[in-house]
Protein backbone atom coordinates (compact mmCIF):
# COMPACT_ATOMS: atom_id res chain seq x y z
CA LEU A 1 4.44 9.78 16.32
CA GLY A 2 8.20 9.98 15.71
CA ARG A 3 9.22 9.82 19.39
CA ARG A 4 10.14 6.49 20.93
CA HIS A 5 7.20 5.12 22.92
CA PRO A 6 7.24 1.88 24.97
CA ASN A 7 4.30 0.53 22.97
CA GLN A 8 5.45 1.94 19.63
CA ALA A 9 5.08 -1.41 17.84
CA ALA A 10 1.52 -1.86 19.12
CA ILE A 11 0.64 1.71 18.12
CA PHE A 12 2.12 1.16 14.65
CA ILE A 13 0.26 -2.14 14.15
CA GLY A 14 -2.98 -0.56 15.39
CA ALA A 15 -2.56 2.36 12.99
CA VAL A 16 -1.90 -0.02 10.09
CA GLY A 17 -4.98 -2.00 11.15
CA VAL A 18 -7.05 1.18 10.91
CA VAL A 19 -5.67 1.74 7.41
CA ARG A 20 -6.59 -1.81 6.45
CA ALA A 21 -10.17 -1.27 7.65
CA THR A 22 -10.64 2.05 5.84
CA ILE A 23 -8.52 1.93 2.68
CA GLY A 24 -11.10 0.04 0.65
CA ASP A 25 -13.95 2.40 1.47
CA LYS A 26 -16.19 3.33 -1.47
CA ILE A 27 -16.18 7.00 -0.42
CA VAL A 28 -13.16 8.52 -2.16
CA SER A 29 -12.35 11.01 0.60
CA VAL A 30 -12.27 8.26 3.25
CA ALA A 31 -9.97 6.07 1.16
CA SER A 32 -7.74 9.05 0.31
CA ARG A 33 -7.37 10.02 3.97
CA SER A 34 -6.56 6.42 4.78
CA ILE A 35 -3.81 6.35 2.15
CA GLN A 36 -2.44 9.69 3.41
CA PHE A 37 -2.46 8.32 6.96
CA LEU A 38 -0.51 5.25 5.82
CA ILE A 39 2.14 7.50 4.26
CA VAL A 40 2.37 9.57 7.45
CA ILE A 41 2.77 6.57 9.77
CA ALA A 42 5.28 4.89 7.46
CA ASN A 43 7.40 8.06 7.40
CA SER A 44 6.90 8.97 11.08
CA ILE A 45 7.72 5.59 12.61
CA PRO A 46 10.49 4.26 10.36
CA ASN A 47 12.37 2.03 12.83
CA VAL A 48 9.67 0.16 14.70
CA LYS A 49 10.91 -3.07 16.29
CA LEU A 50 8.54 -6.00 15.82
CA ASN A 51 8.66 -9.43 17.44
CA ALA A 52 7.64 -12.54 15.49
CA ASN A 53 3.96 -12.28 16.44
CA GLN A 54 3.83 -8.60 15.51
CA ALA A 55 5.61 -9.30 12.22
CA GLY A 56 2.90 -11.85 11.42
CA GLN A 57 0.24 -9.25 12.17
CA MET A 58 2.00 -6.81 9.84
CA GLN A 59 2.03 -9.43 7.09
CA ALA A 60 -1.69 -10.01 7.63
CA HIS A 61 -2.37 -6.28 7.34
CA GLY A 62 0.18 -5.51 4.63
CA ASP A 63 -1.00 -7.87 1.92
CA PRO A 64 -4.64 -6.65 1.76
CA ILE A 65 -3.46 -3.02 1.94
CA LEU A 66 -1.07 -3.58 -0.96
CA GLN A 67 -3.77 -5.35 -2.98
CA CYS A 68 -6.10 -2.41 -2.48
CA LEU A 69 -3.38 0.12 -3.36
CA ILE A 70 -2.49 -1.79 -6.52
CA GLU A 71 -6.17 -1.79 -7.46
CA LYS A 72 -6.18 2.00 -6.95
CA LEU A 73 -3.28 2.36 -9.43
CA GLY A 74 -5.96 1.88 -12.10
CA ASP A 75 -8.41 4.36 -10.58
CA ASN A 76 -10.03 7.01 -12.79
CA LEU A 77 -8.93 9.83 -10.46
CA GLN A 78 -5.31 10.87 -10.93
CA LYS A 79 -5.08 12.03 -7.31
CA THR A 80 -5.99 8.53 -6.13
CA ARG A 81 -3.46 6.92 -8.49
CA VAL A 82 -0.66 9.25 -7.29
CA LEU A 83 -1.54 8.69 -3.62
CA ALA A 84 -1.57 4.92 -4.12
CA GLU A 85 1.83 5.03 -5.81
CA ASP A 86 3.28 7.25 -3.06
CA ALA A 87 1.91 4.92 -0.38
CA ILE A 88 3.43 1.83 -1.99
CA VAL A 89 6.81 3.58 -2.25
CA ALA A 90 6.53 4.56 1.44
CA MET A 91 5.78 0.91 2.26
CA CYS A 92 8.83 -0.20 0.25
CA LEU A 93 11.03 2.15 2.25
CA HIS A 94 9.66 0.93 5.60
CA HIS A 95 11.35 -2.19 6.95
CA ALA A 96 8.12 -3.56 8.48
CA PHE A 97 6.78 -4.01 4.94
CA GLY A 98 9.89 -3.92 2.77
CA THR A 99 10.67 -3.91 -0.90
CA ARG A 100 10.43 -7.70 -1.23
CA MET A 101 6.84 -7.83 0.04
CA CYS A 102 5.80 -4.91 -2.16
CA LEU A 103 7.48 -6.19 -5.33
CA SER A 104 6.09 -9.70 -4.92
CA THR A 105 2.58 -8.28 -4.58
CA ILE A 106 3.00 -5.87 -7.51
CA THR A 107 4.33 -8.57 -9.85
CA ARG A 108 1.57 -11.10 -9.10
CA PRO A 109 -0.53 -11.75 -12.19
CA ILE A 110 -3.91 -10.04 -12.38
CA LYS A 111 -6.71 -12.54 -11.89
CA LYS A 112 -9.11 -12.67 -14.82
CA GLN A 113 -12.71 -12.08 -13.91
CA GLU A 114 -15.55 -13.80 -15.70
CA GLY A 115 -17.95 -11.59 -17.60
CA THR A 116 -15.64 -8.58 -17.81
CA ASN A 117 -16.96 -5.62 -19.72
CA ALA A 118 -15.13 -2.84 -21.58
CA LYS A 119 -14.90 -0.60 -18.51
CA LYS A 120 -13.20 -3.29 -16.44
CA THR A 121 -10.80 -3.98 -19.31
CA MET A 122 -9.96 -0.28 -19.53
CA ASN A 123 -9.36 -0.16 -15.77
CA SER A 124 -7.13 -3.21 -15.92
CA ASN A 125 -5.13 -1.54 -18.69
CA LYS A 126 -4.74 1.54 -16.48
CA GLN A 127 -3.75 -0.74 -13.65
CA VAL A 128 -1.07 -2.45 -15.74
CA ILE A 129 0.32 0.93 -16.82
CA GLY A 130 0.26 2.05 -13.17
CA LYS A 131 2.13 -1.09 -12.13
CA TYR A 132 4.82 -0.51 -14.75
CA ASN A 133 5.22 3.13 -13.72
CA LEU A 134 5.44 2.09 -10.07
CA LEU A 135 8.00 -0.64 -10.79
CA HIS A 136 10.10 1.88 -12.72
CA ARG A 137 9.92 4.31 -9.79
CA ILE A 138 10.85 1.66 -7.21
CA LEU A 139 13.68 0.16 -9.23
CA SER A 140 15.19 3.54 -10.07
CA ASP A 141 15.09 4.74 -6.43
CA PRO A 142 18.40 3.89 -4.72
CA ASP A 143 16.75 3.93 -1.25
CA CYS A 144 14.31 1.10 -2.08
């Protein structure tokens, strides 16, 4: 993945598209592998050059991926929470996504859902704590 390939941008966008399609899977192992794959491609192809059309595709993929990862910050499984946090940091460090895109998504207010029960409230509290921990990690990292 790290070598320069003539279609590196298309490969990168295709890989991110696969992540977008699989990251929200209800099966934990599928979603976890998807998050791990996102971290690998973000670290393996750090300097991909995108034209305007490809940058638009990345924006279209990046926002739903970030939304799903932020949702996973409130997951009951610690492994999932840690993977989601690591993936968001990897996205911050990658110029195709960038810190600005990640921070704007993280700091968006959580939409209130009608008819929430105690479990959803608990998960949203975990999610808020996860967001604060993630913001602290991003803001204290000099590379971000």
